Amino acid sequence: MLRAGVEAVPLAQIELGKSIGLSDWQLLRHVILPQAGILSLPALFANFIFLLKETTVVSAVLTLICVLLFLPLSLLLSRLERRLQHGQFGS
């Protein structure tokens, strides 16, 4: 995404920086990266929001799977424990 932001910086801005005598490092630091960062923000925020939404969905699905797996197991073990406490195992 940052690469797309760098490529979106107008060529005129780069040429202007070179024309006033900026070195490549100065051009990158003072002209290209600030503009690339601003141009990249919407895409970065959109990806962050998408990741947050997907994490929430995955968390909800995993919670449901855990409930579906552990509820029957818990009920089975509870029943087994009651039978063992009352000496009814095997009858």
PDB file of N, CA and C in Angstrom:
ATOM      1  N   MET A   1       0.809  -1.179   0.000  1.00  0.00           N
ATOM      2  CA  MET A   1       0.000   0.000   0.000  1.00  0.00           C
ATOM      3  C   MET A   1       0.863   1.258   0.000  1.00  0.00           C
ATOM      4  N   LEU A   2       1.942   1.208   0.729  1.00  0.00           N
ATOM      5  CA  LEU A   2       2.822   2.362   0.742  1.00  0.00           C
ATOM      6  C   LEU A   2       3.471   2.551  -0.631  1.00  0.00           C
ATOM      7  N   ARG A   3       3.736   1.439  -1.304  1.00  0.00           N
ATOM      8  CA  ARG A   3       4.322   1.540  -2.640  1.00  0.00           C
ATOM      9  C   ARG A   3       3.352   2.259  -3.583  1.00  0.00           C
ATOM     10  N   ALA A   4       2.083   1.913  -3.485  1.00  0.00           N
ATOM     11  CA  ALA A   4       1.087   2.589  -4.324  1.00  0.00           C
ATOM     12  C   ALA A   4       1.035   4.082  -3.997  1.00  0.00           C
ATOM     13  N   GLY A   5       1.192   4.407  -2.712  1.00  0.00           N
ATOM     14  CA  GLY A   5       1.221   5.813  -2.326  1.00  0.00           C
ATOM     15  C   GLY A   5       2.426   6.537  -2.896  1.00  0.00           C
ATOM     16  N   VAL A   6       3.584   5.863  -2.883  1.00  0.00           N
ATOM     17  CA  VAL A   6       4.796   6.458  -3.452  1.00  0.00           C
ATOM     18  C   VAL A   6       4.629   6.668  -4.950  1.00  0.00           C
ATOM     19  N   GLU A   7       4.048   5.688  -5.628  1.00  0.00           N
ATOM     20  CA  GLU A   7       3.855   5.801  -7.070  1.00  0.00           C
ATOM     21  C   GLU A   7       2.790   6.841  -7.426  1.00  0.00           C
ATOM     22  N   ALA A   8       1.924   7.175  -6.459  1.00  0.00           N
ATOM     23  CA  ALA A   8       0.867   8.152  -6.723  1.00  0.00           C
ATOM     24  C   ALA A   8       1.339   9.598  -6.544  1.00  0.00           C
ATOM     25  N   VAL A   9       2.529   9.776  -5.997  1.00  0.00           N
ATOM     26  CA  VAL A   9       3.059  11.145  -5.848  1.00  0.00           C
ATOM     27  C   VAL A   9       3.286  11.696  -7.260  1.00  0.00           C
ATOM     28  N   PRO A  10       2.745  12.868  -7.541  1.00  0.00           N
ATOM     29  CA  PRO A  10       2.889  13.423  -8.889  1.00  0.00           C
ATOM     30  C   PRO A  10       4.363  13.607  -9.281  1.00  0.00           C
ATOM     31  N   LEU A  11       4.669  13.265 -10.503  1.00  0.00           N
ATOM     32  CA  LEU A  11       6.029  13.389 -11.027  1.00  0.00           C
ATOM     33  C   LEU A  11       6.500  14.836 -10.964  1.00  0.00           C
ATOM     34  N   ALA A  12       5.581  15.767 -11.109  1.00  0.00           N
ATOM     35  CA  ALA A  12       5.940  17.188 -11.049  1.00  0.00           C
ATOM     36  C   ALA A  12       6.525  17.543  -9.687  1.00  0.00           C
ATOM     37  N   GLN A  13       6.023  16.927  -8.616  1.00  0.00           N
ATOM     38  CA  GLN A  13       6.550  17.183  -7.277  1.00  0.00           C
ATOM     39  C   GLN A  13       8.001  16.709  -7.168  1.00  0.00           C
ATOM     40  N   ILE A  14       8.269  15.543  -7.734  1.00  0.00           N
ATOM     41  CA  ILE A  14       9.625  14.987  -7.694  1.00  0.00           C
ATOM     42  C   ILE A  14      10.573  15.862  -8.522  1.00  0.00           C
ATOM     43  N   GLU A  15      10.134  16.244  -9.705  1.00  0.00           N
ATOM     44  CA  GLU A  15      10.962  17.100 -10.558  1.00  0.00           C
ATOM     45  C   GLU A  15      11.214  18.451  -9.901  1.00  0.00           C
ATOM     46  N   LEU A  16      10.215  18.977  -9.214  1.00  0.00           N
ATOM     47  CA  LEU A  16      10.375  20.247  -8.528  1.00  0.00           C
ATOM     48  C   LEU A  16      11.420  20.139  -7.415  1.00  0.00           C
ATOM     49  N   GLY A  17      11.374  19.040  -6.666  1.00  0.00           N
ATOM     50  CA  GLY A  17      12.358  18.823  -5.616  1.00  0.00           C
ATOM     51  C   GLY A  17      13.767  18.716  -6.163  1.00  0.00           C
ATOM     52  N   LYS A  18      13.894  18.032  -7.301  1.00  0.00           N
ATOM     53  CA  LYS A  18      15.218  17.910  -7.929  1.00  0.00           C
ATOM     54  C   LYS A  18      15.694  19.263  -8.454  1.00  0.00           C
ATOM     55  N   SER A  19      14.768  20.063  -8.947  1.00  0.00           N
ATOM     56  CA  SER A  19      15.153  21.348  -9.537  1.00  0.00           C
ATOM     57  C   SER A  19      15.653  22.341  -8.488  1.00  0.00           C
ATOM     58  N   ILE A  20      15.223  22.185  -7.245  1.00  0.00           N
ATOM     59  CA  ILE A  20      15.714  23.096  -6.209  1.00  0.00           C
ATOM     60  C   ILE A  20      16.946  22.534  -5.507  1.00  0.00           C
ATOM     61  N   GLY A  21      17.452  21.402  -6.007  1.00  0.00           N
ATOM     62  CA  GLY A  21      18.721  20.874  -5.528  1.00  0.00           C
ATOM     63  C   GLY A  21      18.639  19.893  -4.383  1.00  0.00           C
ATOM     64  N   LEU A  22      17.480  19.273  -4.153  1.00  0.00           N
ATOM     65  CA  LEU A  22      17.382  18.270  -3.103  1.00  0.00           C
ATOM     66  C   LEU A  22      18.091  16.987  -3.530  1.00  0.00           C
ATOM     67  N   SER A  23      18.803  16.366  -2.602  1.00  0.00           N
ATOM     68  CA  SER A  23      19.415  15.070  -2.889  1.00  0.00           C
ATOM     69  C   SER A  23      18.311  14.014  -2.909  1.00  0.00           C
ATOM     70  N   ASP A  24      18.646  12.817  -3.346  1.00  0.00           N
ATOM     71  CA  ASP A  24      17.634  11.746  -3.389  1.00  0.00           C
ATOM     72  C   ASP A  24      17.065  11.483  -1.998  1.00  0.00           C
ATOM     73  N   TRP A  25      17.950  11.466  -0.981  1.00  0.00           N
ATOM     74  CA  TRP A  25      17.501  11.229   0.382  1.00  0.00           C
ATOM     75  C   TRP A  25      16.587  12.358   0.861  1.00  0.00           C
ATOM     76  N   GLN A  26      16.948  13.595   0.599  1.00  0.00           N
ATOM     77  CA  GLN A  26      16.127  14.738   0.999  1.00  0.00           C
ATOM     78  C   GLN A  26      14.791  14.720   0.258  1.00  0.00           C
ATOM     79  N   LEU A  27      14.852  14.375  -1.013  1.00  0.00           N
ATOM     80  CA  LEU A  27      13.635  14.290  -1.811  1.00  0.00           C
ATOM     81  C   LEU A  27      12.687  13.239  -1.230  1.00  0.00           C
ATOM     82  N   LEU A  28      13.238  12.090  -0.868  1.00  0.00           N
ATOM     83  CA  LEU A  28      12.435  11.020  -0.280  1.00  0.00           C
ATOM     84  C   LEU A  28      11.857  11.455   1.064  1.00  0.00           C
ATOM     85  N   ARG A  29      12.704  12.074   1.890  1.00  0.00           N
ATOM     86  CA  ARG A  29      12.297  12.432   3.238  1.00  0.00           C
ATOM     87  C   ARG A  29      11.318  13.603   3.275  1.00  0.00           C
ATOM     88  N   HIS A  30      11.526  14.602   2.461  1.00  0.00           N
ATOM     89  CA  HIS A  30      10.730  15.830   2.557  1.00  0.00           C
ATOM     90  C   HIS A  30       9.597  15.951   1.536  1.00  0.00           C
ATOM     91  N   VAL A  31       9.654  15.191   0.469  1.00  0.00           N
ATOM     92  CA  VAL A  31       8.637  15.340  -0.579  1.00  0.00           C
ATOM     93  C   VAL A  31       7.830  14.051  -0.758  1.00  0.00           C
ATOM     94  N   ILE A  32       8.514  12.950  -1.026  1.00  0.00           N
ATOM     95  CA  ILE A  32       7.813  11.732  -1.431  1.00  0.00           C
ATOM     96  C   ILE A  32       7.101  11.052  -0.261  1.00  0.00           C
ATOM     97  N   LEU A  33       7.830  10.747   0.823  1.00  0.00           N
ATOM     98  CA  LEU A  33       7.214   9.998   1.918  1.00  0.00           C
ATOM     99  C   LEU A  33       6.057  10.720   2.608  1.00  0.00           C
ATOM    100  N   PRO A  34       6.142  12.020   2.861  1.00  0.00           N
ATOM    101  CA  PRO A  34       4.970  12.669   3.473  1.00  0.00           C
ATOM    102  C   PRO A  34       3.717  12.568   2.603  1.00  0.00           C
ATOM    103  N   GLN A  35       3.883  12.772   1.306  1.00  0.00           N
ATOM    104  CA  GLN A  35       2.721  12.678   0.414  1.00  0.00           C
ATOM    105  C   GLN A  35       2.258  11.237   0.260  1.00  0.00           C
ATOM    106  N   ALA A  36       3.200  10.315   0.185  1.00  0.00           N
ATOM    107  CA  ALA A  36       2.839   8.899   0.044  1.00  0.00           C
ATOM    108  C   ALA A  36       2.082   8.418   1.276  1.00  0.00           C
ATOM    109  N   GLY A  37       2.510   8.875   2.444  1.00  0.00           N
ATOM    110  CA  GLY A  37       1.809   8.493   3.675  1.00  0.00           C
ATOM    111  C   GLY A  37       0.375   8.973   3.682  1.00  0.00           C
ATOM    112  N   ILE A  38       0.173  10.216   3.275  1.00  0.00           N
ATOM    113  CA  ILE A  38      -1.183  10.775   3.237  1.00  0.00           C
ATOM    114  C   ILE A  38      -2.035  10.052   2.198  1.00  0.00           C
ATOM    115  N   LEU A  39      -1.444   9.758   1.051  1.00  0.00           N
ATOM    116  CA  LEU A  39      -2.190   9.059   0.000  1.00  0.00           C
ATOM    117  C   LEU A  39      -2.511   7.617   0.380  1.00  0.00           C
ATOM    118  N   SER A  40      -1.696   7.016   1.232  1.00  0.00           N
ATOM    119  CA  SER A  40      -1.887   5.613   1.616  1.00  0.00           C
ATOM    120  C   SER A  40      -2.840   5.429   2.792  1.00  0.00           C
ATOM    121  N   LEU A  41      -3.119   6.486   3.535  1.00  0.00           N
ATOM    122  CA  LEU A  41      -3.948   6.354   4.737  1.00  0.00           C
ATOM    123  C   LEU A  41      -5.323   5.724   4.502  1.00  0.00           C
ATOM    124  N   PRO A  42      -6.088   6.130   3.491  1.00  0.00           N
ATOM    125  CA  PRO A  42      -7.401   5.498   3.313  1.00  0.00           C
ATOM    126  C   PRO A  42      -7.319   3.983   3.113  1.00  0.00           C
ATOM    127  N   ALA A  43      -6.369   3.528   2.323  1.00  0.00           N
ATOM    128  CA  ALA A  43      -6.231   2.089   2.101  1.00  0.00           C
ATOM    129  C   ALA A  43      -5.774   1.369   3.368  1.00  0.00           C
ATOM    130  N   LEU A  44      -4.863   1.992   4.112  1.00  0.00           N
ATOM    131  CA  LEU A  44      -4.403   1.384   5.359  1.00  0.00           C
ATOM    132  C   LEU A  44      -5.544   1.267   6.366  1.00  0.00           C
ATOM    133  N   PHE A  45      -6.339   2.328   6.500  1.00  0.00           N
ATOM    134  CA  PHE A  45      -7.467   2.293   7.427  1.00  0.00           C
ATOM    135  C   PHE A  45      -8.518   1.280   6.984  1.00  0.00           C
ATOM    136  N   ALA A  46      -8.767   1.193   5.694  1.00  0.00           N
ATOM    137  CA  ALA A  46      -9.743   0.222   5.192  1.00  0.00           C
ATOM    138  C   ALA A  46      -9.290  -1.200   5.502  1.00  0.00           C
ATOM    139  N   ASN A  47      -8.013  -1.486   5.314  1.00  0.00           N
ATOM    140  CA  ASN A  47      -7.500  -2.816   5.635  1.00  0.00           C
ATOM    141  C   ASN A  47      -7.548  -3.095   7.126  1.00  0.00           C
ATOM    142  N   PHE A  48      -7.259  -2.087   7.931  1.00  0.00           N
ATOM    143  CA  PHE A  48      -7.326  -2.256   9.378  1.00  0.00           C
ATOM    144  C   PHE A  48      -8.753  -2.582   9.817  1.00  0.00           C
ATOM    145  N   ILE A  49      -9.721  -1.856   9.288  1.00  0.00           N
ATOM    146  CA  ILE A  49     -11.125  -2.098   9.640  1.00  0.00           C
ATOM    147  C   ILE A  49     -11.561  -3.485   9.170  1.00  0.00           C
ATOM    148  N   PHE A  50     -11.152  -3.882   7.958  1.00  0.00           N
ATOM    149  CA  PHE A  50     -11.490  -5.208   7.449  1.00  0.00           C
ATOM    150  C   PHE A  50     -10.901  -6.289   8.351  1.00  0.00           C
ATOM    151  N   LEU A  51      -9.645  -6.123   8.749  1.00  0.00           N
ATOM    152  CA  LEU A  51      -8.991  -7.099   9.616  1.00  0.00           C
ATOM    153  C   LEU A  51      -9.697  -7.184  10.961  1.00  0.00           C
ATOM    154  N   LEU A  52     -10.105  -6.053  11.489  1.00  0.00           N
ATOM    155  CA  LEU A  52     -10.819  -6.031  12.759  1.00  0.00           C
ATOM    156  C   LEU A  52     -12.163  -6.749  12.645  1.00  0.00           C
ATOM    157  N   LYS A  53     -12.870  -6.510  11.562  1.00  0.00           N
ATOM    158  CA  LYS A  53     -14.160  -7.180  11.346  1.00  0.00           C
ATOM    159  C   LYS A  53     -13.971  -8.687  11.207  1.00  0.00           C
ATOM    160  N   GLU A  54     -12.997  -9.096  10.420  1.00  0.00           N
ATOM    161  CA  GLU A  54     -12.756 -10.523  10.219  1.00  0.00           C
ATOM    162  C   GLU A  54     -12.328 -11.206  11.509  1.00  0.00           C
ATOM    163  N   THR A  55     -11.533 -10.521  12.319  1.00  0.00           N
ATOM    164  CA  THR A  55     -11.118 -11.078  13.596  1.00  0.00           C
ATOM    165  C   THR A  55     -12.326 -11.299  14.491  1.00  0.00           C
ATOM    166  N   THR A  56     -13.251 -10.358  14.471  1.00  0.00           N
ATOM    167  CA  THR A  56     -14.462 -10.488  15.267  1.00  0.00           C
ATOM    168  C   THR A  56     -15.306 -11.658  14.788  1.00  0.00           C
ATOM    169  N   VAL A  57     -15.436 -11.812  13.485  1.00  0.00           N
ATOM    170  CA  VAL A  57     -16.212 -12.917  12.926  1.00  0.00           C
ATOM    171  C   VAL A  57     -15.567 -14.248  13.276  1.00  0.00           C
ATOM    172  N   VAL A  58     -14.258 -14.344  13.117  1.00  0.00           N
ATOM    173  CA  VAL A  58     -13.557 -15.587  13.439  1.00  0.00           C
ATOM    174  C   VAL A  58     -13.701 -15.895  14.921  1.00  0.00           C
ATOM    175  N   SER A  59     -13.612 -14.893  15.762  1.00  0.00           N
ATOM    176  CA  SER A  59     -13.764 -15.084  17.201  1.00  0.00           C
ATOM    177  C   SER A  59     -15.157 -15.617  17.536  1.00  0.00           C
ATOM    178  N   ALA A  60     -16.178 -15.066  16.898  1.00  0.00           N
ATOM    179  CA  ALA A  60     -17.548 -15.529  17.142  1.00  0.00           C
ATOM    180  C   ALA A  60     -17.725 -16.968  16.677  1.00  0.00           C
ATOM    181  N   VAL A  61     -17.168 -17.301  15.526  1.00  0.00           N
ATOM    182  CA  VAL A  61     -17.275 -18.672  15.014  1.00  0.00           C
ATOM    183  C   VAL A  61     -16.549 -19.645  15.942  1.00  0.00           C
ATOM    184  N   LEU A  62     -15.358 -19.276  16.394  1.00  0.00           N
ATOM    185  CA  LEU A  62     -14.610 -20.145  17.307  1.00  0.00           C
ATOM    186  C   LEU A  62     -15.335 -20.321  18.635  1.00  0.00           C
ATOM    187  N   THR A  63     -15.967 -19.263  19.108  1.00  0.00           N
ATOM    188  CA  THR A  63     -16.744 -19.370  20.342  1.00  0.00           C
ATOM    189  C   THR A  63     -17.895 -20.348  20.153  1.00  0.00           C
ATOM    190  N   LEU A  64     -18.581 -20.264  19.036  1.00  0.00           N
ATOM    191  CA  LEU A  64     -19.678 -21.182  18.752  1.00  0.00           C
ATOM    192  C   LEU A  64     -19.183 -22.618  18.664  1.00  0.00           C
ATOM    193  N   ILE A  65     -18.049 -22.830  18.004  1.00  0.00           N
ATOM    194  CA  ILE A  65     -17.486 -24.173  17.894  1.00  0.00           C
ATOM    195  C   ILE A  65     -17.130 -24.711  19.276  1.00  0.00           C
ATOM    196  N   CYS A  66     -16.532 -23.865  20.112  1.00  0.00           N
ATOM    197  CA  CYS A  66     -16.186 -24.303  21.473  1.00  0.00           C
ATOM    198  C   CYS A  66     -17.431 -24.694  22.256  1.00  0.00           C
ATOM    199  N   VAL A  67     -18.484 -23.903  22.135  1.00  0.00           N
ATOM    200  CA  VAL A  67     -19.722 -24.223  22.847  1.00  0.00           C
ATOM    201  C   VAL A  67     -20.275 -25.547  22.339  1.00  0.00           C
ATOM    202  N   LEU A  68     -20.285 -25.730  21.035  1.00  0.00           N
ATOM    203  CA  LEU A  68     -20.821 -26.970  20.469  1.00  0.00           C
ATOM    204  C   LEU A  68     -19.979 -28.188  20.825  1.00  0.00           C
ATOM    205  N   LEU A  69     -18.691 -28.007  21.024  1.00  0.00           N
ATOM    206  CA  LEU A  69     -17.828 -29.121  21.411  1.00  0.00           C
ATOM    207  C   LEU A  69     -17.869 -29.400  22.905  1.00  0.00           C
ATOM    208  N   PHE A  70     -17.800 -28.356  23.716  1.00  0.00           N
ATOM    209  CA  PHE A  70     -17.642 -28.543  25.150  1.00  0.00           C
ATOM    210  C   PHE A  70     -18.947 -28.716  25.911  1.00  0.00           C
ATOM    211  N   LEU A  71     -20.048 -28.225  25.404  1.00  0.00           N
ATOM    212  CA  LEU A  71     -21.320 -28.392  26.102  1.00  0.00           C
ATOM    213  C   LEU A  71     -21.718 -29.865  26.193  1.00  0.00           C
ATOM    214  N   PRO A  72     -21.726 -30.620  25.092  1.00  0.00           N
ATOM    215  CA  PRO A  72     -22.055 -32.047  25.232  1.00  0.00           C
ATOM    216  C   PRO A  72     -21.050 -32.803  26.117  1.00  0.00           C
ATOM    217  N   LEU A  73     -19.781 -32.462  25.984  1.00  0.00           N
ATOM    218  CA  LEU A  73     -18.768 -33.113  26.807  1.00  0.00           C
ATOM    219  C   LEU A  73     -18.994 -32.803  28.281  1.00  0.00           C
ATOM    220  N   SER A  74     -19.306 -31.569  28.584  1.00  0.00           N
ATOM    221  CA  SER A  74     -19.577 -31.165  29.958  1.00  0.00           C
ATOM    222  C   SER A  74     -20.802 -31.891  30.513  1.00  0.00           C
ATOM    223  N   LEU A  75     -21.853 -31.985  29.712  1.00  0.00           N
ATOM    224  CA  LEU A  75     -23.056 -32.694  30.153  1.00  0.00           C
ATOM    225  C   LEU A  75     -22.770 -34.175  30.381  1.00  0.00           C
ATOM    226  N   LEU A  76     -22.014 -34.782  29.491  1.00  0.00           N
ATOM    227  CA  LEU A  76     -21.665 -36.194  29.626  1.00  0.00           C
ATOM    228  C   LEU A  76     -20.842 -36.439  30.889  1.00  0.00           C
ATOM    229  N   LEU A  77     -19.855 -35.597  31.127  1.00  0.00           N
ATOM    230  CA  LEU A  77     -19.016 -35.763  32.311  1.00  0.00           C
ATOM    231  C   LEU A  77     -19.793 -35.482  33.594  1.00  0.00           C
ATOM    232  N   SER A  78     -20.723 -34.545  33.558  1.00  0.00           N
ATOM    233  CA  SER A  78     -21.564 -34.272  34.713  1.00  0.00           C
ATOM    234  C   SER A  78     -22.435 -35.483  35.038  1.00  0.00           C
ATOM    235  N   ARG A  79     -22.988 -36.089  34.032  1.00  0.00           N
ATOM    236  CA  ARG A  79     -23.822 -37.281  34.233  1.00  0.00           C
ATOM    237  C   ARG A  79     -22.991 -38.438  34.776  1.00  0.00           C
ATOM    238  N   LEU A  80     -21.788 -38.615  34.221  1.00  0.00           N
ATOM    239  CA  LEU A  80     -20.892 -39.660  34.693  1.00  0.00           C
ATOM    240  C   LEU A  80     -20.514 -39.431  36.150  1.00  0.00           C
ATOM    241  N   GLU A  81     -20.263 -38.190  36.519  1.00  0.00           N
ATOM    242  CA  GLU A  81     -19.906 -37.863  37.901  1.00  0.00           C
ATOM    243  C   GLU A  81     -21.054 -38.181  38.856  1.00  0.00           C
ATOM    244  N   ARG A  82     -22.282 -37.840  38.458  1.00  0.00           N
ATOM    245  CA  ARG A  82     -23.441 -38.159  39.311  1.00  0.00           C
ATOM    246  C   ARG A  82     -23.601 -39.666  39.489  1.00  0.00           C
ATOM    247  N   ARG A  83     -23.397 -40.424  38.413  1.00  0.00           N
ATOM    248  CA  ARG A  83     -23.536 -41.882  38.503  1.00  0.00           C
ATOM    249  C   ARG A  83     -22.465 -42.477  39.403  1.00  0.00           C
ATOM    250  N   LEU A  84     -21.261 -41.939  39.326  1.00  0.00           N
ATOM    251  CA  LEU A  84     -20.164 -42.441  40.161  1.00  0.00           C
ATOM    252  C   LEU A  84     -20.403 -42.101  41.631  1.00  0.00           C
ATOM    253  N   GLN A  85     -20.981 -40.950  41.911  1.00  0.00           N
ATOM    254  CA  GLN A  85     -21.229 -40.535  43.287  1.00  0.00           C
ATOM    255  C   GLN A  85     -22.313 -41.400  43.953  1.00  0.00           C
ATOM    256  N   HIS A  86     -23.262 -41.854  43.159  1.00  0.00           N
ATOM    257  CA  HIS A  86     -24.381 -42.621  43.715  1.00  0.00           C
ATOM    258  C   HIS A  86     -24.187 -44.130  43.550  1.00  0.00           C
ATOM    259  N   GLY A  87     -23.080 -44.557  43.061  1.00  0.00           N
ATOM    260  CA  GLY A  87     -22.787 -45.990  42.955  1.00  0.00           C
ATOM    261  C   GLY A  87     -23.643 -46.707  41.930  1.00  0.00           C
ATOM    262  N   GLN A  88     -24.116 -46.016  40.911  1.00  0.00           N
ATOM    263  CA  GLN A  88     -24.983 -46.640  39.925  1.00  0.00           C
ATOM    264  C   GLN A  88     -24.206 -46.991  38.654  1.00  0.00           C
ATOM    265  N   PHE A  89     -22.933 -46.916  38.708  1.00  0.00           N
ATOM    266  CA  PHE A  89     -22.149 -47.193  37.506  1.00  0.00           C
ATOM    267  C   PHE A  89     -22.217 -48.686  37.185  1.00  0.00           C
ATOM    268  N   GLY A  90     -22.576 -49.021  35.979  1.00  0.00           N
ATOM    269  CA  GLY A  90     -22.603 -50.401  35.510  1.00  0.00           C
ATOM    270  C   GLY A  90     -23.918 -51.100  35.736  1.00  0.00           C
ATOM    271  N   SER A  91     -24.901 -50.420  36.272  1.00  0.00           N
ATOM    272  CA  SER A  91     -26.183 -51.120  36.483  1.00  0.00           C
ATOM    273  C   SER A  91     -27.246 -50.602  35.548  1.00  0.00           C
TER     274      SER A  91
END
